[in-house]
Amino acid sequence: MTTPLRVTVFDYGAGNLHSLVKAVEAGGATVTVETDPAAAVRNTDALILPGVGAFAPAAERLASGRDAMRDALLGGLPTLGICLGMQLLFDASDEGAGEGLGIVPGRVTRLSAERVPQIGWNRLDAVSEPLLDTASLDVAYYANSFVCRPTADGEQYVTAWSEHEGDRFVASVRRGHVIGTQFHPEKSSTPGVTFVKAFLDFATAVATQQRSSV
């Protein structure tokens, strides 16, 4: 019997995770919602950092287990950060105090646009993320006022871009097994759900390889 993929969703305590959990469960995984950041990366095959909330309270919730989570991500734990979850992969944010995980060098700043927040559909360009290609995801759903600005060293991890009122910003990143999306795949129609499933398939392949090498 195939062991179901174990996925942990880290809950910052900021909002409804129902649609995200349902999308992951629809992909065949078992989901645990965890509020302790160190516990969130123990005994799991994959981690999801959800897109609900604001940077400062999320960073505060992360602080006690920041090093443990960062070590797990850099150590190869498949991770998907969505919207705020992707922003937490960066160093810090103008939205509020606190440290991110520092997986991708850079800072989160406010969108330079008259219409903020950006809510609705937007195109992806310069895509180099295989999982986005697998899902044929080239238009995605956004709900954000802040965006990630990588440093020169951080730009190597950018895998797609979008633009809002002339402000070009990072749509997705990848470092090793860690993937971040500024958009909400779980709200991006069938291609978005297909992308989530592609991530789960990727995490399953990693977990299977790790189990076979033990």
C-alpha atoms as a PDB file:
ATOM      1  CA  MET A   1       0.000   0.000   0.000  1.00  0.00           C
ATOM      2  CA  THR A   2       1.318   3.445  -0.892  1.00  0.00           C
ATOM      3  CA  THR A   3       1.856   5.702   2.102  1.00  0.00           C
ATOM      4  CA  PRO A   4      -0.193   8.910   1.736  1.00  0.00           C
ATOM      5  CA  LEU A   5       1.847  12.098   1.535  1.00  0.00           C
ATOM      6  CA  ARG A   6       1.942  13.884   4.903  1.00  0.00           C
ATOM      7  CA  VAL A   7       1.505  17.644   4.469  1.00  0.00           C
ATOM      8  CA  THR A   8       1.648  20.191   7.267  1.00  0.00           C
ATOM      9  CA  VAL A   9       0.038  23.612   6.898  1.00  0.00           C
ATOM     10  CA  PHE A  10       1.628  26.177   9.218  1.00  0.00           C
ATOM     11  CA  ASP A  11      -1.171  28.273  10.722  1.00  0.00           C
ATOM     12  CA  TYR A  12      -0.239  31.853  11.672  1.00  0.00           C
ATOM     13  CA  GLY A  13      -3.637  32.193  13.335  1.00  0.00           C
ATOM     14  CA  ALA A  14      -4.772  34.748  10.786  1.00  0.00           C
ATOM     15  CA  GLY A  15      -7.708  33.322   8.899  1.00  0.00           C
ATOM     16  CA  ASN A  16      -9.612  30.632   7.071  1.00  0.00           C
ATOM     17  CA  LEU A  17      -7.476  27.848   5.619  1.00  0.00           C
ATOM     18  CA  HIS A  18     -10.445  25.784   4.422  1.00  0.00           C
ATOM     19  CA  SER A  19     -10.027  26.211   0.644  1.00  0.00           C
ATOM     20  CA  LEU A  20      -6.291  25.523   0.822  1.00  0.00           C
ATOM     21  CA  VAL A  21      -6.682  22.414   2.977  1.00  0.00           C
ATOM     22  CA  LYS A  22      -9.413  21.112   0.662  1.00  0.00           C
ATOM     23  CA  ALA A  23      -7.224  21.652  -2.406  1.00  0.00           C
ATOM     24  CA  VAL A  24      -4.376  19.710  -0.794  1.00  0.00           C
ATOM     25  CA  GLU A  25      -6.646  16.900   0.395  1.00  0.00           C
ATOM     26  CA  ALA A  26      -8.108  16.678  -3.115  1.00  0.00           C
ATOM     27  CA  GLY A  27      -4.576  15.863  -4.279  1.00  0.00           C
ATOM     28  CA  GLY A  28      -4.582  12.733  -2.106  1.00  0.00           C
ATOM     29  CA  ALA A  29      -2.493  14.017   0.812  1.00  0.00           C
ATOM     30  CA  THR A  30      -3.234  13.891   4.524  1.00  0.00           C
ATOM     31  CA  VAL A  31      -3.150  17.375   6.057  1.00  0.00           C
ATOM     32  CA  THR A  32      -2.180  18.512   9.538  1.00  0.00           C
ATOM     33  CA  VAL A  33      -2.629  22.139  10.585  1.00  0.00           C
ATOM     34  CA  GLU A  34       0.102  23.181  13.035  1.00  0.00           C
ATOM     35  CA  THR A  35       0.597  26.438  14.966  1.00  0.00           C
ATOM     36  CA  ASP A  36       4.071  25.609  16.325  1.00  0.00           C
ATOM     37  CA  PRO A  37       6.753  26.397  13.700  1.00  0.00           C
ATOM     38  CA  ALA A  38       9.266  23.836  14.946  1.00  0.00           C
ATOM     39  CA  ALA A  39       6.617  21.099  15.138  1.00  0.00           C
ATOM     40  CA  ALA A  40       5.423  22.009  11.640  1.00  0.00           C
ATOM     41  CA  VAL A  41       8.635  20.678  10.085  1.00  0.00           C
ATOM     42  CA  ARG A  42       8.833  17.465  12.136  1.00  0.00           C
ATOM     43  CA  ASN A  43       7.387  14.161  10.935  1.00  0.00           C
ATOM     44  CA  THR A  44       6.062  15.566   7.687  1.00  0.00           C
ATOM     45  CA  ASP A  45       6.791  15.090   3.991  1.00  0.00           C
ATOM     46  CA  ALA A  46       5.928  18.635   2.909  1.00  0.00           C
ATOM     47  CA  LEU A  47       5.173  22.056   4.362  1.00  0.00           C
ATOM     48  CA  ILE A  48       2.767  24.724   3.149  1.00  0.00           C
ATOM     49  CA  LEU A  49       3.020  28.347   4.268  1.00  0.00           C
ATOM     50  CA  PRO A  50      -0.458  29.750   3.516  1.00  0.00           C
ATOM     51  CA  GLY A  51      -1.351  33.115   2.054  1.00  0.00           C
ATOM     52  CA  VAL A  52      -3.602  34.494   4.780  1.00  0.00           C
ATOM     53  CA  GLY A  53      -2.575  37.258   7.180  1.00  0.00           C
ATOM     54  CA  ALA A  54      -0.060  40.080   7.616  1.00  0.00           C
ATOM     55  CA  PHE A  55       3.724  39.875   7.822  1.00  0.00           C
ATOM     56  CA  ALA A  56       4.343  41.129  11.379  1.00  0.00           C
ATOM     57  CA  PRO A  57       2.028  38.748  13.284  1.00  0.00           C
ATOM     58  CA  ALA A  58       3.074  35.859  11.028  1.00  0.00           C
ATOM     59  CA  ALA A  59       6.764  36.596  11.668  1.00  0.00           C
ATOM     60  CA  GLU A  60       6.039  36.798  15.390  1.00  0.00           C
ATOM     61  CA  ARG A  61       4.362  33.382  15.288  1.00  0.00           C
ATOM     62  CA  LEU A  62       7.327  32.064  13.296  1.00  0.00           C
ATOM     63  CA  ALA A  63      10.031  33.494  15.586  1.00  0.00           C
ATOM     64  CA  SER A  64      10.245  30.722  18.173  1.00  0.00           C
ATOM     65  CA  GLY A  65      10.947  28.071  15.536  1.00  0.00           C
ATOM     66  CA  ARG A  66      12.437  30.178  12.763  1.00  0.00           C
ATOM     67  CA  ASP A  67      15.857  28.495  12.809  1.00  0.00           C
ATOM     68  CA  ALA A  68      14.362  24.994  12.901  1.00  0.00           C
ATOM     69  CA  MET A  69      12.073  25.766   9.969  1.00  0.00           C
ATOM     70  CA  ARG A  70      14.828  27.466   7.968  1.00  0.00           C
ATOM     71  CA  ASP A  71      17.165  24.508   8.514  1.00  0.00           C
ATOM     72  CA  ALA A  72      14.442  22.080   7.383  1.00  0.00           C
ATOM     73  CA  LEU A  73      13.749  24.061   4.220  1.00  0.00           C
ATOM     74  CA  LEU A  74      17.416  24.386   3.321  1.00  0.00           C
ATOM     75  CA  GLY A  75      17.802  20.705   4.174  1.00  0.00           C
ATOM     76  CA  GLY A  76      15.393  19.685   1.418  1.00  0.00           C
ATOM     77  CA  LEU A  77      11.868  19.657   2.880  1.00  0.00           C
ATOM     78  CA  PRO A  78       9.460  20.281  -0.028  1.00  0.00           C
ATOM     79  CA  THR A  79       7.712  23.556   0.770  1.00  0.00           C
ATOM     80  CA  LEU A  80       5.092  25.713  -0.931  1.00  0.00           C
ATOM     81  CA  GLY A  81       4.736  29.318   0.231  1.00  0.00           C
ATOM     82  CA  ILE A  82       1.624  31.119  -1.035  1.00  0.00           C
ATOM     83  CA  CYS A  83       1.264  34.935  -1.125  1.00  0.00           C
ATOM     84  CA  LEU A  84       2.242  35.914   2.454  1.00  0.00           C
ATOM     85  CA  GLY A  85       3.846  32.475   2.678  1.00  0.00           C
ATOM     86  CA  MET A  86       6.184  33.391  -0.184  1.00  0.00           C
ATOM     87  CA  GLN A  87       6.935  36.752   1.416  1.00  0.00           C
ATOM     88  CA  LEU A  88       8.016  34.924   4.574  1.00  0.00           C
ATOM     89  CA  LEU A  89      10.694  33.183   2.489  1.00  0.00           C
ATOM     90  CA  PHE A  90      12.407  36.594   2.178  1.00  0.00           C
ATOM     91  CA  ASP A  91      14.396  38.506   4.811  1.00  0.00           C
ATOM     92  CA  ALA A  92      11.963  41.183   6.000  1.00  0.00           C
ATOM     93  CA  SER A  93       8.975  43.333   4.988  1.00  0.00           C
ATOM     94  CA  ASP A  94       7.974  46.973   4.966  1.00  0.00           C
ATOM     95  CA  GLU A  95       4.513  45.779   6.002  1.00  0.00           C
ATOM     96  CA  GLY A  96       5.673  45.162   9.566  1.00  0.00           C
ATOM     97  CA  ALA A  97       8.397  44.158  11.966  1.00  0.00           C
ATOM     98  CA  GLY A  98       9.980  40.736  12.276  1.00  0.00           C
ATOM     99  CA  GLU A  99      12.290  38.408  10.407  1.00  0.00           C
ATOM    100  CA  GLY A 100      11.385  36.187   7.518  1.00  0.00           C
ATOM    101  CA  LEU A 101      13.082  32.861   6.855  1.00  0.00           C
ATOM    102  CA  GLY A 102      15.829  34.322   4.685  1.00  0.00           C
ATOM    103  CA  ILE A 103      15.599  31.570   2.078  1.00  0.00           C
ATOM    104  CA  VAL A 104      15.609  34.114  -0.757  1.00  0.00           C
ATOM    105  CA  PRO A 105      17.670  37.284  -0.201  1.00  0.00           C
ATOM    106  CA  GLY A 106      15.504  40.370  -0.505  1.00  0.00           C
ATOM    107  CA  ARG A 107      12.778  42.467   1.065  1.00  0.00           C
ATOM    108  CA  VAL A 108       9.018  42.813   0.717  1.00  0.00           C
ATOM    109  CA  THR A 109       7.740  46.292  -0.231  1.00  0.00           C
ATOM    110  CA  ARG A 110       4.421  47.864  -1.156  1.00  0.00           C
ATOM    111  CA  LEU A 111       3.235  47.702  -4.751  1.00  0.00           C
ATOM    112  CA  SER A 112       4.062  50.908  -6.609  1.00  0.00           C
ATOM    113  CA  ALA A 113       0.605  51.497  -8.087  1.00  0.00           C
ATOM    114  CA  GLU A 114      -2.534  53.604  -7.681  1.00  0.00           C
ATOM    115  CA  ARG A 115      -4.842  50.600  -7.412  1.00  0.00           C
ATOM    116  CA  VAL A 116      -3.745  48.716  -4.298  1.00  0.00           C
ATOM    117  CA  PRO A 117      -4.431  46.030  -3.312  1.00  0.00           C
ATOM    118  CA  GLN A 118      -4.185  44.128  -6.547  1.00  0.00           C
ATOM    119  CA  ILE A 119      -7.194  41.832  -6.561  1.00  0.00           C
ATOM    120  CA  GLY A 120      -7.959  39.634  -9.537  1.00  0.00           C
ATOM    121  CA  TRP A 121      -6.301  37.899 -12.441  1.00  0.00           C
ATOM    122  CA  ASN A 122      -2.873  38.710 -13.847  1.00  0.00           C
ATOM    123  CA  ARG A 123      -0.517  37.130 -16.342  1.00  0.00           C
ATOM    124  CA  LEU A 124       2.762  35.374 -15.584  1.00  0.00           C
ATOM    125  CA  ASP A 125       5.783  35.953 -17.810  1.00  0.00           C
ATOM    126  CA  ALA A 126       9.385  34.762 -18.087  1.00  0.00           C
ATOM    127  CA  VAL A 127       8.261  31.480 -16.516  1.00  0.00           C
ATOM    128  CA  SER A 128      11.032  28.990 -15.723  1.00  0.00           C
ATOM    129  CA  GLU A 129       9.250  26.871 -13.099  1.00  0.00           C
ATOM    130  CA  PRO A 130       8.576  23.338 -14.407  1.00  0.00           C
ATOM    131  CA  LEU A 131       5.534  22.871 -12.157  1.00  0.00           C
ATOM    132  CA  LEU A 132       3.896  25.964 -13.646  1.00  0.00           C
ATOM    133  CA  ASP A 133       4.564  24.601 -17.119  1.00  0.00           C
ATOM    134  CA  THR A 134       3.115  21.236 -16.100  1.00  0.00           C
ATOM    135  CA  ALA A 135      -0.087  22.953 -14.988  1.00  0.00           C
ATOM    136  CA  SER A 136      -0.185  25.323 -18.008  1.00  0.00           C
ATOM    137  CA  LEU A 137      -0.626  28.072 -15.428  1.00  0.00           C
ATOM    138  CA  ASP A 138       0.012  31.401 -17.170  1.00  0.00           C
ATOM    139  CA  VAL A 139      -2.805  33.500 -15.661  1.00  0.00           C
ATOM    140  CA  ALA A 140      -3.273  33.480 -11.894  1.00  0.00           C
ATOM    141  CA  TYR A 141      -5.384  35.035  -9.150  1.00  0.00           C
ATOM    142  CA  TYR A 142      -3.810  37.650  -6.877  1.00  0.00           C
ATOM    143  CA  ALA A 143      -4.914  39.438  -3.692  1.00  0.00           C
ATOM    144  CA  ASN A 144      -1.952  41.474  -2.457  1.00  0.00           C
ATOM    145  CA  SER A 145      -0.674  44.927  -1.579  1.00  0.00           C
ATOM    146  CA  PHE A 146       2.953  43.915  -1.014  1.00  0.00           C
ATOM    147  CA  VAL A 147       5.435  42.148  -3.296  1.00  0.00           C
ATOM    148  CA  CYS A 148       8.889  40.605  -3.045  1.00  0.00           C
ATOM    149  CA  ARG A 149      11.976  42.493  -4.217  1.00  0.00           C
ATOM    150  CA  PRO A 150      14.972  40.135  -4.413  1.00  0.00           C
ATOM    151  CA  THR A 151      18.534  41.379  -4.138  1.00  0.00           C
ATOM    152  CA  ALA A 152      20.943  40.774  -7.003  1.00  0.00           C
ATOM    153  CA  ASP A 153      21.878  37.503  -5.279  1.00  0.00           C
ATOM    154  CA  GLY A 154      18.225  36.622  -4.848  1.00  0.00           C
ATOM    155  CA  GLU A 155      17.204  37.073  -8.484  1.00  0.00           C
ATOM    156  CA  GLN A 156      18.689  33.682  -9.387  1.00  0.00           C
ATOM    157  CA  TYR A 157      15.752  32.075  -7.536  1.00  0.00           C
ATOM    158  CA  VAL A 158      13.007  33.936  -9.452  1.00  0.00           C
ATOM    159  CA  THR A 159      10.990  31.600 -11.704  1.00  0.00           C
ATOM    160  CA  ALA A 160       8.230  33.929 -12.965  1.00  0.00           C
ATOM    161  CA  TRP A 161       7.244  37.604 -13.021  1.00  0.00           C
ATOM    162  CA  SER A 162       4.030  39.621 -13.206  1.00  0.00           C
ATOM    163  CA  GLU A 163       3.279  43.321 -13.665  1.00  0.00           C
ATOM    164  CA  HIS A 164       0.683  45.603 -12.097  1.00  0.00           C
ATOM    165  CA  GLU A 165       0.320  49.180 -13.370  1.00  0.00           C
ATOM    166  CA  GLY A 166       3.902  49.157 -14.611  1.00  0.00           C
ATOM    167  CA  ASP A 167       5.383  47.690 -11.416  1.00  0.00           C
ATOM    168  CA  ARG A 168       7.096  44.429 -12.355  1.00  0.00           C
ATOM    169  CA  PHE A 169       7.281  42.056  -9.419  1.00  0.00           C
ATOM    170  CA  VAL A 170       8.150  38.477  -8.563  1.00  0.00           C
ATOM    171  CA  ALA A 171       5.353  35.980  -9.240  1.00  0.00           C
ATOM    172  CA  SER A 172       7.202  32.838  -8.142  1.00  0.00           C
ATOM    173  CA  VAL A 173      10.511  31.654  -6.720  1.00  0.00           C
ATOM    174  CA  ARG A 174      12.286  28.362  -6.206  1.00  0.00           C
ATOM    175  CA  ARG A 175      15.313  27.462  -4.138  1.00  0.00           C
ATOM    176  CA  GLY A 176      15.982  23.739  -4.030  1.00  0.00           C
ATOM    177  CA  HIS A 177      12.748  22.077  -2.933  1.00  0.00           C
ATOM    178  CA  VAL A 178      11.231  25.372  -1.731  1.00  0.00           C
ATOM    179  CA  ILE A 179       8.687  27.021  -4.052  1.00  0.00           C
ATOM    180  CA  GLY A 180       6.893  30.304  -3.495  1.00  0.00           C
ATOM    181  CA  THR A 181       4.020  31.925  -5.398  1.00  0.00           C
ATOM    182  CA  GLN A 182       2.759  35.473  -4.901  1.00  0.00           C
ATOM    183  CA  PHE A 183      -0.551  34.406  -6.439  1.00  0.00           C
ATOM    184  CA  HIS A 184      -3.080  32.010  -4.919  1.00  0.00           C
ATOM    185  CA  PRO A 185      -2.994  28.733  -6.874  1.00  0.00           C
ATOM    186  CA  GLU A 186      -5.913  27.320  -4.885  1.00  0.00           C
ATOM    187  CA  LYS A 187      -8.046  30.206  -6.259  1.00  0.00           C
ATOM    188  CA  SER A 188      -6.616  30.102  -9.801  1.00  0.00           C
ATOM    189  CA  SER A 189      -9.214  27.832 -11.399  1.00  0.00           C
ATOM    190  CA  THR A 190      -8.310  24.399 -12.800  1.00  0.00           C
ATOM    191  CA  PRO A 191      -4.676  25.229 -13.733  1.00  0.00           C
ATOM    192  CA  GLY A 192      -4.047  26.458 -10.181  1.00  0.00           C
ATOM    193  CA  VAL A 193      -5.410  23.277  -8.628  1.00  0.00           C
ATOM    194  CA  THR A 194      -3.335  21.309 -11.154  1.00  0.00           C
ATOM    195  CA  PHE A 195      -0.271  23.228  -9.964  1.00  0.00           C
ATOM    196  CA  VAL A 196      -1.009  22.276  -6.347  1.00  0.00           C
ATOM    197  CA  LYS A 197      -1.326  18.641  -7.445  1.00  0.00           C
ATOM    198  CA  ALA A 198       1.980  18.925  -9.346  1.00  0.00           C
ATOM    199  CA  PHE A 199       3.649  20.197  -6.168  1.00  0.00           C
ATOM    200  CA  LEU A 200       2.205  17.270  -4.197  1.00  0.00           C
ATOM    201  CA  ASP A 201       3.465  14.832  -6.854  1.00  0.00           C
ATOM    202  CA  PHE A 202       6.904  16.461  -6.613  1.00  0.00           C
ATOM    203  CA  ALA A 203       6.854  16.166  -2.802  1.00  0.00           C
ATOM    204  CA  THR A 204       5.767  12.534  -3.067  1.00  0.00           C
ATOM    205  CA  ALA A 205       8.709  11.751  -5.369  1.00  0.00           C
ATOM    206  CA  VAL A 206      11.094  13.389  -2.891  1.00  0.00           C
ATOM    207  CA  ALA A 207       9.584  11.477   0.039  1.00  0.00           C
ATOM    208  CA  THR A 208       9.719   8.160  -1.858  1.00  0.00           C
ATOM    209  CA  GLN A 209      13.370   8.718  -2.708  1.00  0.00           C
ATOM    210  CA  GLN A 210      14.214   9.588   0.895  1.00  0.00           C
ATOM    211  CA  ARG A 211      12.402   6.506   2.254  1.00  0.00           C
ATOM    212  CA  SER A 212      14.151   4.207  -0.209  1.00  0.00           C
ATOM    213  CA  SER A 213      17.564   5.546   0.798  1.00  0.00           C
ATOM    214  CA  VAL A 214      17.035   4.872   4.521  1.00  0.00           C
END
